[in-house]
């Protein structure tokens, strides 16, 4: 059955902060290709239209207006209010969403409000957790974000994770039962074409023809381990002097990383490129002899998957989702997390053995094509939707039952031509009906919030 899916995401191309934006875009397009109607609500992006039809996906880019928020959580709340406002407007104009799909805590408030306000099930994808990113919650901001993440998983009918690693993490951190969590990996779209005529000139900006090029792409934050890569550069140069490095991406750690490169005396060998879009990413992957991802925490690792799909030999750390998508010695090489020496050994192994690199890249391309195509990922996600909607149809959730009664009555009026005045129907939400058609608030729960170990259904 074809469904109308409401996607809530704080980023969507061309607004790309991390892997979440590309995940939502590729998944939404693949769901649209399957015949589903997908509406995305996201923040505005410079140069992008407020509304566009992106390969069948209805994308609404929302401005965050009004007084400037005091902090980032305040801005997130304002974005969520804009999402709620637009969703209610679309509902008033006739849109009937079958499911709300919120991505990470940045869409939690809107997801919860629309779930109860529209009486439709909420599904959440947790791409990463604040606890995992920081190896614990150490200050008030982190504890606040962690609490909102827990709240989102509590309110969601199902929680989707991109790896078994993340499944274990959300179950441990948020005390979720096994039957509430589903694992659906990220997908990848292989690069199209065989390159561009000016690829050689592009590569020459960063390395000479007789020099190897090692490429990193990701956010410049601590958990991505770029400092480990910089510490490995002198070891790599000792074993393979004709090597250059490109670090693509932006983030708060960039000034510290550039200063670290200066202290290590390797600044002349390392180029900090800044943000790289999809086209630039693909050009670097065609130019590089090795793509390296030294993460200390990695829920999935979509950038490694993109490199594998492009046919670039990959070195990553044996952490998180990398261990599930990379088979050491078969589709790539894995290094010990946090160890510059181990990372350097794996990079040098590929630079000194072109035959090994070629075998790994060909095997990786086959593996990605067989297991991580977006049409497969979209079908698996749609199967979770159907699982949820089947339970939703037969559940005793009062708000959903009230909405179904109201819609059935509306259909009877339309078909029967009934125009007589009658009492207003009970709105969908947390209400209990009375015989005369009035609505009285449902009894309040005994506690204002459930204990951290609670795992009840909506």
Protein backbone atom coordinates (compact mmCIF):
# COMPACT_ATOMS: atom_id res chain seq x y z
CA UNK A 1 0.00 0.00 0.00
CA UNK A 2 1.22 3.48 -0.85
CA UNK A 3 1.61 5.77 2.16
CA UNK A 4 2.02 9.47 2.87
CA UNK A 5 5.12 9.88 5.02
CA UNK A 6 5.97 13.07 6.91
CA UNK A 7 9.77 13.30 7.34
CA UNK A 8 11.16 15.66 9.99
CA UNK A 9 14.86 16.47 9.65
CA UNK A 10 16.86 19.49 10.73
CA UNK A 11 19.08 19.20 7.63
CA UNK A 12 18.44 18.34 4.00
CA UNK A 13 20.63 19.08 0.95
CA UNK A 14 21.95 21.59 0.12
CA UNK A 15 22.06 22.17 3.90
CA UNK A 16 24.51 19.42 4.89
CA UNK A 17 26.07 19.35 8.35
CA UNK A 18 26.72 15.61 8.62
CA UNK A 19 25.58 12.31 7.20
CA UNK A 20 21.99 12.78 8.37
CA UNK A 21 21.11 15.15 5.52
CA UNK A 22 22.20 12.74 2.80
CA UNK A 23 20.52 9.82 4.57
CA UNK A 24 17.16 11.61 4.68
CA UNK A 25 17.46 12.80 1.08
CA UNK A 26 18.41 9.43 -0.41
CA UNK A 27 15.86 7.54 1.69
CA UNK A 28 13.08 9.98 0.83
CA UNK A 29 13.84 9.80 -2.90
CA UNK A 30 13.97 6.00 -2.82
CA UNK A 31 10.62 5.86 -0.98
CA UNK A 32 9.15 8.18 -3.61
CA UNK A 33 10.51 5.88 -6.33
CA UNK A 34 8.54 3.05 -4.66
CA UNK A 35 5.36 5.09 -5.10
CA UNK A 36 5.02 6.59 -1.63
CA UNK A 37 4.26 10.26 -1.10
CA UNK A 38 7.00 11.85 1.00
CA UNK A 39 6.83 15.31 2.56
CA UNK A 40 10.02 16.63 4.20
CA UNK A 41 10.03 19.50 6.69
CA UNK A 42 13.48 20.98 7.31
CA UNK A 43 15.27 24.27 7.90
CA UNK A 44 15.86 26.81 5.16
CA UNK A 45 19.10 26.75 3.19
CA UNK A 46 20.83 29.65 1.45
CA UNK A 47 20.11 29.63 -2.26
CA UNK A 48 17.55 26.80 -2.04
CA UNK A 49 13.83 27.35 -2.73
CA UNK A 50 11.36 27.41 0.14
CA UNK A 51 9.52 24.57 -1.61
CA UNK A 52 10.67 22.18 -4.28
CA UNK A 53 9.83 18.80 -5.71
CA UNK A 54 13.11 16.92 -5.35
CA UNK A 55 12.85 13.77 -7.49
CA UNK A 56 9.30 13.23 -6.29
CA UNK A 57 9.91 14.39 -2.70
CA UNK A 58 7.98 17.44 -1.46
CA UNK A 59 10.56 19.51 0.43
CA UNK A 60 9.46 22.43 2.62
CA UNK A 61 12.37 24.58 3.84
CA UNK A 62 11.27 26.59 6.83
CA UNK A 63 12.69 29.88 8.12
CA UNK A 64 13.28 30.15 11.84
CA UNK A 65 11.85 33.59 12.48
CA UNK A 66 11.14 35.78 15.49
CA UNK A 67 13.38 36.87 18.37
CA UNK A 68 16.83 35.32 18.37
CA UNK A 69 16.95 32.23 20.62
CA UNK A 70 19.30 32.28 23.59
CA UNK A 71 21.09 29.05 22.69
CA UNK A 72 21.12 26.10 20.31
CA UNK A 73 18.40 24.11 22.13
CA UNK A 74 16.25 27.22 21.95
CA UNK A 75 16.83 27.42 18.20
CA UNK A 76 15.94 23.73 17.87
CA UNK A 77 12.67 24.36 19.70
CA UNK A 78 11.86 27.23 17.33
CA UNK A 79 12.57 25.06 14.29
CA UNK A 80 10.26 22.41 15.70
CA UNK A 81 7.50 24.98 16.16
CA UNK A 82 7.90 25.92 12.49
CA UNK A 83 7.63 22.22 11.57
CA UNK A 84 4.44 21.86 13.62
CA UNK A 85 2.94 25.00 12.09
CA UNK A 86 3.63 23.83 8.53
CA UNK A 87 2.38 20.30 9.19
CA UNK A 88 -0.88 21.65 10.65
CA UNK A 89 -1.29 23.95 7.66
CA UNK A 90 -0.82 21.04 5.26
CA UNK A 91 -3.30 19.00 7.30
CA UNK A 92 -5.83 21.85 7.15
CA UNK A 93 -5.33 21.93 3.38
CA UNK A 94 -6.23 18.25 3.11
CA UNK A 95 -2.97 16.34 3.59
CA UNK A 96 -3.45 13.11 5.55
CA UNK A 97 -0.17 11.72 6.79
CA UNK A 98 0.00 8.02 7.56
CA UNK A 99 3.16 8.18 9.65
CA UNK A 100 5.55 10.76 11.11
CA UNK A 101 9.24 9.88 10.81
CA UNK A 102 11.54 12.02 12.97
CA UNK A 103 15.33 11.94 12.65
CA UNK A 104 17.31 12.44 15.86
CA UNK A 105 16.51 14.63 18.86
CA UNK A 106 16.46 17.77 16.74
CA UNK A 107 12.97 16.82 15.52
CA UNK A 108 11.68 15.28 18.76
CA UNK A 109 9.36 18.10 19.84
CA UNK A 110 7.55 18.29 16.49
CA UNK A 111 7.40 14.51 16.22
CA UNK A 112 5.77 14.10 19.62
CA UNK A 113 3.30 16.98 19.09
CA UNK A 114 2.20 15.77 15.65
CA UNK A 115 1.88 12.18 16.85
CA UNK A 116 -0.67 13.16 19.49
CA UNK A 117 -2.20 16.10 17.62
CA UNK A 118 -2.86 14.21 14.39
CA UNK A 119 -3.23 10.77 16.01
CA UNK A 120 -0.69 9.14 13.68
CA UNK A 121 2.15 6.86 14.76
CA UNK A 122 5.62 8.28 15.27
CA UNK A 123 8.73 6.47 14.10
CA UNK A 124 12.21 7.70 15.05
CA UNK A 125 15.60 7.07 13.51
CA UNK A 126 18.43 7.56 16.00
CA UNK A 127 21.57 8.27 14.00
CA UNK A 128 23.80 8.83 17.05
CA UNK A 129 23.43 9.55 20.75
CA UNK A 130 24.84 12.33 22.87
CA UNK A 131 26.07 9.69 25.32
CA UNK A 132 27.98 7.90 22.58
CA UNK A 133 29.44 11.05 21.03
CA UNK A 134 30.88 12.17 24.36
CA UNK A 135 31.46 8.83 26.08
CA UNK A 136 28.94 9.85 28.72
CA UNK A 137 26.96 12.96 29.68
CA UNK A 138 29.24 15.45 31.39
CA UNK A 139 27.41 18.81 31.51
CA UNK A 140 23.92 20.28 31.56
CA UNK A 141 23.67 20.68 27.78
CA UNK A 142 24.64 17.06 27.16
CA UNK A 143 22.23 15.85 29.82
CA UNK A 144 19.45 17.94 28.26
CA UNK A 145 20.08 16.50 24.79
CA UNK A 146 20.28 12.99 26.22
CA UNK A 147 16.94 13.48 27.97
CA UNK A 148 15.28 14.67 24.74
CA UNK A 149 16.73 11.67 22.90
CA UNK A 150 15.26 9.33 25.52
CA UNK A 151 11.91 11.14 25.26
CA UNK A 152 11.87 10.69 21.48
CA UNK A 153 12.55 6.95 21.75
CA UNK A 154 9.85 6.66 24.45
CA UNK A 155 7.24 8.40 22.30
CA UNK A 156 8.18 6.52 19.10
CA UNK A 157 6.27 3.40 18.10
CA UNK A 158 9.47 1.98 16.63
CA UNK A 159 13.08 3.13 16.76
CA UNK A 160 15.25 2.53 13.71
CA UNK A 161 19.03 2.26 14.07
CA UNK A 162 21.55 2.02 11.26
CA UNK A 163 23.70 -0.73 12.77
CA UNK A 164 23.78 -3.47 15.39
CA UNK A 165 26.25 -1.30 17.24
CA UNK A 166 23.66 1.47 17.51
CA UNK A 167 20.94 -1.02 18.43
CA UNK A 168 23.02 -2.12 21.40
CA UNK A 169 23.71 1.49 22.33
CA UNK A 170 20.11 2.74 22.30
CA UNK A 171 18.88 -0.31 24.19
CA UNK A 172 21.57 0.16 26.83
CA UNK A 173 21.42 3.97 27.12
CA UNK A 174 17.63 4.39 26.84
CA UNK A 175 16.55 1.02 28.30
CA UNK A 176 14.51 0.09 25.24
CA UNK A 177 12.99 -3.37 24.81
CA UNK A 178 14.25 -5.44 21.89
CA UNK A 179 10.87 -5.52 20.13
CA UNK A 180 10.81 -1.73 19.83
CA UNK A 181 14.06 -1.45 17.85
CA UNK A 182 14.68 -2.29 14.19
CA UNK A 183 18.00 -2.20 12.36
CA UNK A 184 17.96 -0.76 8.85
CA UNK A 185 21.40 0.27 7.54
CA UNK A 186 22.24 3.36 5.54
CA UNK A 187 22.40 3.00 1.80
CA UNK A 188 24.59 4.50 -0.86
CA UNK A 189 24.18 5.76 -4.40
CA UNK A 190 27.22 4.78 -6.50
CA UNK A 191 28.86 7.69 -8.35
CA UNK A 192 27.73 8.03 -11.95
CA UNK A 193 30.04 8.31 -14.91
CA UNK A 194 33.71 7.59 -15.41
CA UNK A 195 35.07 10.91 -14.26
CA UNK A 196 35.61 14.30 -15.84
CA UNK A 197 38.18 15.47 -18.38
CA UNK A 198 39.69 17.88 -15.86
CA UNK A 199 40.09 15.29 -13.08
CA UNK A 200 43.87 15.23 -13.58
CA UNK A 201 44.07 19.01 -13.22
CA UNK A 202 41.92 18.84 -10.10
CA UNK A 203 44.20 16.23 -8.55
CA UNK A 204 47.28 18.25 -9.45
CA UNK A 205 46.08 20.98 -7.09
CA UNK A 206 46.80 18.64 -4.17
CA UNK A 207 49.41 16.11 -5.29
CA UNK A 208 51.95 15.58 -8.05
CA UNK A 209 51.43 12.67 -10.49
CA UNK A 210 54.08 10.60 -8.70
CA UNK A 211 52.64 11.27 -5.23
CA UNK A 212 49.95 9.25 -3.47
CA UNK A 213 46.86 11.07 -2.22
CA UNK A 214 45.19 10.11 1.08
CA UNK A 215 41.70 11.55 1.58
CA UNK A 216 39.51 12.14 4.64
CA UNK A 217 35.93 13.45 4.56
CA UNK A 218 33.83 14.21 7.61
CA UNK A 219 32.89 16.70 10.27
CA UNK A 220 35.85 18.16 12.10
CA UNK A 221 34.85 17.11 15.60
CA UNK A 222 36.66 15.04 18.19
CA UNK A 223 34.86 11.76 17.63
CA UNK A 224 35.92 11.64 13.95
CA UNK A 225 39.53 11.11 15.06
CA UNK A 226 41.21 13.52 12.62
CA UNK A 227 43.82 14.25 15.29
CA UNK A 228 44.75 10.56 15.17
CA UNK A 229 45.24 10.81 11.40
CA UNK A 230 47.47 13.86 11.83
CA UNK A 231 49.57 12.00 14.39
CA UNK A 232 49.88 9.13 11.88
CA UNK A 233 51.06 11.39 9.03
CA UNK A 234 54.76 11.53 10.09
CA UNK A 235 54.82 7.72 10.34
CA UNK A 236 53.24 7.39 6.88
CA UNK A 237 55.68 9.91 5.41
CA UNK A 238 58.60 7.99 6.86
CA UNK A 239 57.41 4.83 5.11
CA UNK A 240 56.12 6.52 1.92
CA UNK A 241 57.55 10.05 1.56
CA UNK A 242 55.71 10.83 -1.68
CA UNK A 243 52.32 11.19 -0.04
CA UNK A 244 49.89 14.10 0.30
CA UNK A 245 46.81 14.36 2.49
CA UNK A 246 43.49 16.18 2.02
CA UNK A 247 41.13 16.75 4.94
CA UNK A 248 37.70 17.79 3.69
CA UNK A 249 34.99 19.01 6.04
CA UNK A 250 34.19 21.73 8.51
CA UNK A 251 33.61 21.78 12.23
CA UNK A 252 34.60 23.40 15.52
CA UNK A 253 37.84 21.40 15.79
CA UNK A 254 39.36 22.84 12.60
CA UNK A 255 41.52 25.57 14.24
CA UNK A 256 42.97 23.07 16.72
CA UNK A 257 43.64 20.55 13.95
CA UNK A 258 45.42 23.12 11.80
CA UNK A 259 47.53 24.15 14.80
CA UNK A 260 48.33 20.48 15.46
CA UNK A 261 49.53 20.03 11.88
CA UNK A 262 51.83 23.05 12.33
CA UNK A 263 53.26 21.65 15.56
CA UNK A 264 53.89 18.27 13.93
CA UNK A 265 55.71 19.95 11.03
CA UNK A 266 53.43 18.39 8.43
CA UNK A 267 51.44 21.46 7.33
CA UNK A 268 53.06 21.39 3.90
CA UNK A 269 51.79 17.85 3.31
CA UNK A 270 48.22 18.37 4.58
CA UNK A 271 45.54 20.45 2.84
CA UNK A 272 42.46 21.48 4.81
CA UNK A 273 39.94 21.78 2.02
CA UNK A 274 36.81 22.81 3.90
CA UNK A 275 33.30 21.71 2.98
CA UNK A 276 33.08 19.33 0.02
CA UNK A 277 29.77 18.78 -1.76
CA UNK A 278 28.79 15.58 -3.50
CA UNK A 279 30.53 16.45 -6.78
CA UNK A 280 33.76 17.44 -5.03
CA UNK A 281 33.59 14.34 -2.82
CA UNK A 282 33.35 12.14 -5.90
CA UNK A 283 36.31 13.89 -7.57
CA UNK A 284 38.47 13.38 -4.48
CA UNK A 285 37.47 9.72 -4.29
CA UNK A 286 38.48 9.23 -7.93
CA UNK A 287 41.80 10.97 -7.26
CA UNK A 288 42.76 9.28 -3.98
CA UNK A 289 44.78 6.11 -3.49
CA UNK A 290 43.34 5.67 0.01
CA UNK A 291 40.28 7.01 1.83
CA UNK A 292 40.84 6.99 5.58
CA UNK A 293 38.28 7.31 8.37
CA UNK A 294 39.90 7.23 11.85
CA UNK A 295 36.72 7.67 13.93
CA UNK A 296 36.68 7.05 17.66
CA UNK A 297 32.85 6.81 17.62
CA UNK A 298 30.94 5.90 14.47
CA UNK A 299 27.31 4.74 14.54
CA UNK A 300 27.43 3.63 10.90
CA UNK A 301 29.98 5.33 8.63
CA UNK A 302 28.18 6.34 5.45
CA UNK A 303 31.28 8.15 4.16
CA UNK A 304 33.20 4.87 4.17
CA UNK A 305 30.34 3.24 2.28
CA UNK A 306 30.47 6.04 -0.32
CA UNK A 307 34.20 5.53 -0.76
CA UNK A 308 33.73 1.78 -1.16
CA UNK A 309 31.00 2.36 -3.77
CA UNK A 310 33.33 4.71 -5.66
CA UNK A 311 36.07 2.08 -5.78
CA UNK A 312 38.50 3.85 -3.46
CA UNK A 313 40.44 1.56 -1.09
CA UNK A 314 39.33 2.25 2.50
CA UNK A 315 41.10 2.26 5.85
CA UNK A 316 38.85 2.78 8.87
CA UNK A 317 38.95 2.09 12.58
CA UNK A 318 37.49 -1.04 14.12
CA UNK A 319 34.71 0.77 15.93
CA UNK A 320 30.93 1.03 15.71
CA UNK A 321 29.32 0.52 12.33
CA UNK A 322 32.64 0.31 10.48
CA UNK A 323 33.06 -3.22 11.82
CA UNK A 324 29.77 -4.22 10.20
CA UNK A 325 30.28 -2.74 6.74
CA UNK A 326 34.03 -3.41 6.32
CA UNK A 327 35.44 -6.93 6.33
CA UNK A 328 39.09 -6.62 7.23
CA UNK A 329 41.30 -7.91 4.45
CA UNK A 330 38.31 -8.47 2.14
CA UNK A 331 36.56 -5.12 1.53
CA UNK A 332 38.96 -2.79 3.36
CA UNK A 333 41.38 -2.56 6.24
CA UNK A 334 40.62 -1.82 9.90
CA UNK A 335 42.94 -0.13 12.38
CA UNK A 336 42.84 0.05 16.16
CA UNK A 337 40.79 3.09 17.30
CA UNK A 338 42.92 5.93 18.65
CA UNK A 339 46.23 4.39 17.51
CA UNK A 340 48.28 6.46 15.00
CA UNK A 341 50.71 3.56 14.61
CA UNK A 342 47.98 1.09 13.67
CA UNK A 343 46.37 3.58 11.29
CA UNK A 344 49.71 4.27 9.60
CA UNK A 345 50.41 0.54 9.16
CA UNK A 346 47.13 -0.01 7.33
CA UNK A 347 47.57 3.03 5.07
CA UNK A 348 51.13 1.99 4.22
CA UNK A 349 49.95 -1.54 3.46
CA UNK A 350 47.76 -0.16 0.68
CA UNK A 351 50.31 2.33 -0.61
CA UNK A 352 53.01 -0.36 -0.87
CA UNK A 353 50.75 -3.06 -2.34
CA UNK A 354 48.70 -1.77 -5.31
CA UNK A 355 47.48 -5.30 -6.07
CA UNK A 356 46.02 -5.59 -2.57
CA UNK A 357 44.39 -2.19 -2.91
CA UNK A 358 42.86 -3.16 -6.26
CA UNK A 359 41.51 -6.45 -4.90
CA UNK A 360 39.95 -4.76 -1.88
CA UNK A 361 38.29 -1.99 -3.87
CA UNK A 362 36.71 -4.40 -6.38
CA UNK A 363 35.43 -6.63 -3.60
CA UNK A 364 34.07 -3.60 -1.75
CA UNK A 365 32.17 -2.35 -4.78
CA UNK A 366 30.48 -5.73 -5.21
CA UNK A 367 29.61 -5.89 -1.50
CA UNK A 368 28.04 -2.42 -1.51
CA UNK A 369 26.01 -3.10 -4.65
CA UNK A 370 24.62 -6.31 -3.17
CA UNK A 371 23.74 -5.05 0.31
CA UNK A 372 23.45 -1.26 0.46
CA UNK A 373 21.43 -0.08 -2.54
CA UNK A 374 18.90 2.58 -1.55
CA UNK A 375 15.96 0.75 -3.12
CA UNK A 376 16.62 -2.15 -0.73
CA UNK A 377 16.95 0.21 2.24
CA UNK A 378 13.72 2.01 1.32
CA UNK A 379 11.85 -1.29 1.03
CA UNK A 380 13.08 -2.36 4.46
CA UNK A 381 12.05 1.00 5.93
CA UNK A 382 8.62 0.77 4.30
CA UNK A 383 8.22 -2.70 5.85
CA UNK A 384 8.73 -1.13 9.30
CA UNK A 385 6.06 1.45 8.42
CA UNK A 386 3.61 -1.31 7.53
CA UNK A 387 4.41 -3.18 10.73
CA UNK A 388 3.65 -0.06 12.76
CA UNK A 389 0.51 0.85 10.83
CA UNK A 390 -0.92 -2.65 11.22
CA UNK A 391 -0.53 -2.38 14.99
CA UNK A 392 -1.88 1.17 14.92
CA UNK A 393 -5.06 0.05 13.14
CA UNK A 394 -5.98 -2.42 15.87
CA UNK A 395 -4.62 -0.67 18.96
CA UNK A 396 -6.84 0.88 21.67
CA UNK A 397 -5.14 4.29 21.39
CA UNK A 398 -8.01 6.67 22.11
CA UNK A 399 -6.74 9.51 19.94
CA UNK A 400 -6.47 7.26 16.89
CA UNK A 401 -9.93 5.80 17.52
CA UNK A 402 -11.41 9.29 17.85
CA UNK A 403 -9.82 10.34 14.57
CA UNK A 404 -11.10 7.25 12.78
CA UNK A 405 -14.63 7.87 14.08
CA UNK A 406 -14.50 11.50 13.01
CA UNK A 407 -13.27 10.64 9.52
CA UNK A 408 -15.88 7.89 9.09
CA UNK A 409 -18.61 10.31 10.13
CA UNK A 410 -17.26 12.90 7.70
CA UNK A 411 -17.45 10.37 4.89
CA UNK A 412 -21.03 9.50 5.81
CA UNK A 413 -21.94 13.17 5.68
CA UNK A 414 -20.31 13.61 2.30
CA UNK A 415 -22.01 10.58 0.78
CA UNK A 416 -25.34 11.10 2.45
CA UNK A 417 -25.54 14.82 1.88
CA UNK A 418 -26.11 15.50 5.56
CA UNK A 419 -26.06 19.24 6.27
CA UNK A 420 -27.99 19.53 9.52
CA UNK A 421 -26.23 21.20 12.40
CA UNK A 422 -24.85 18.78 14.93
CA UNK A 423 -22.49 18.87 17.94
CA UNK A 424 -18.82 19.34 17.10
CA UNK A 425 -16.94 16.04 16.87
CA UNK A 426 -14.36 15.20 19.47
CA UNK A 427 -10.97 16.39 18.18
CA UNK A 428 -8.20 13.83 17.87
CA UNK A 429 -5.98 13.85 20.90
CA UNK A 430 -6.00 12.80 24.52
CA UNK A 431 -9.71 13.18 25.15
CA UNK A 432 -12.51 10.99 26.43
CA UNK A 433 -15.96 11.19 24.83
CA UNK A 434 -19.27 11.63 26.67
CA UNK A 435 -22.73 10.58 25.48
CA UNK A 436 -23.82 14.10 24.51
CA UNK A 437 -20.79 14.61 22.25
CA UNK A 438 -18.88 16.88 24.60
CA UNK A 439 -15.24 16.25 25.37
CA UNK A 440 -13.68 15.95 28.76
CA UNK A 441 -9.96 15.72 29.40
CA UNK A 442 -8.67 12.21 29.95
CA UNK A 443 -7.38 11.39 33.41
CA UNK A 444 -3.86 12.62 33.99
CA UNK A 445 -1.15 9.99 34.44
CA UNK A 446 0.03 9.31 37.94
CA UNK A 447 3.49 10.74 37.22
CA UNK A 448 4.49 13.65 34.99
CA UNK A 449 7.07 11.52 33.20
CA UNK A 450 7.74 7.79 33.11
CA UNK A 451 10.81 6.34 34.75
CA UNK A 452 13.92 5.91 32.57
CA UNK A 453 13.32 2.17 32.31
CA UNK A 454 9.77 2.51 30.95
CA UNK A 455 9.11 1.08 27.53
CA UNK A 456 5.37 1.22 27.03
CA UNK A 457 3.78 1.64 23.65
CA UNK A 458 2.14 4.90 22.58
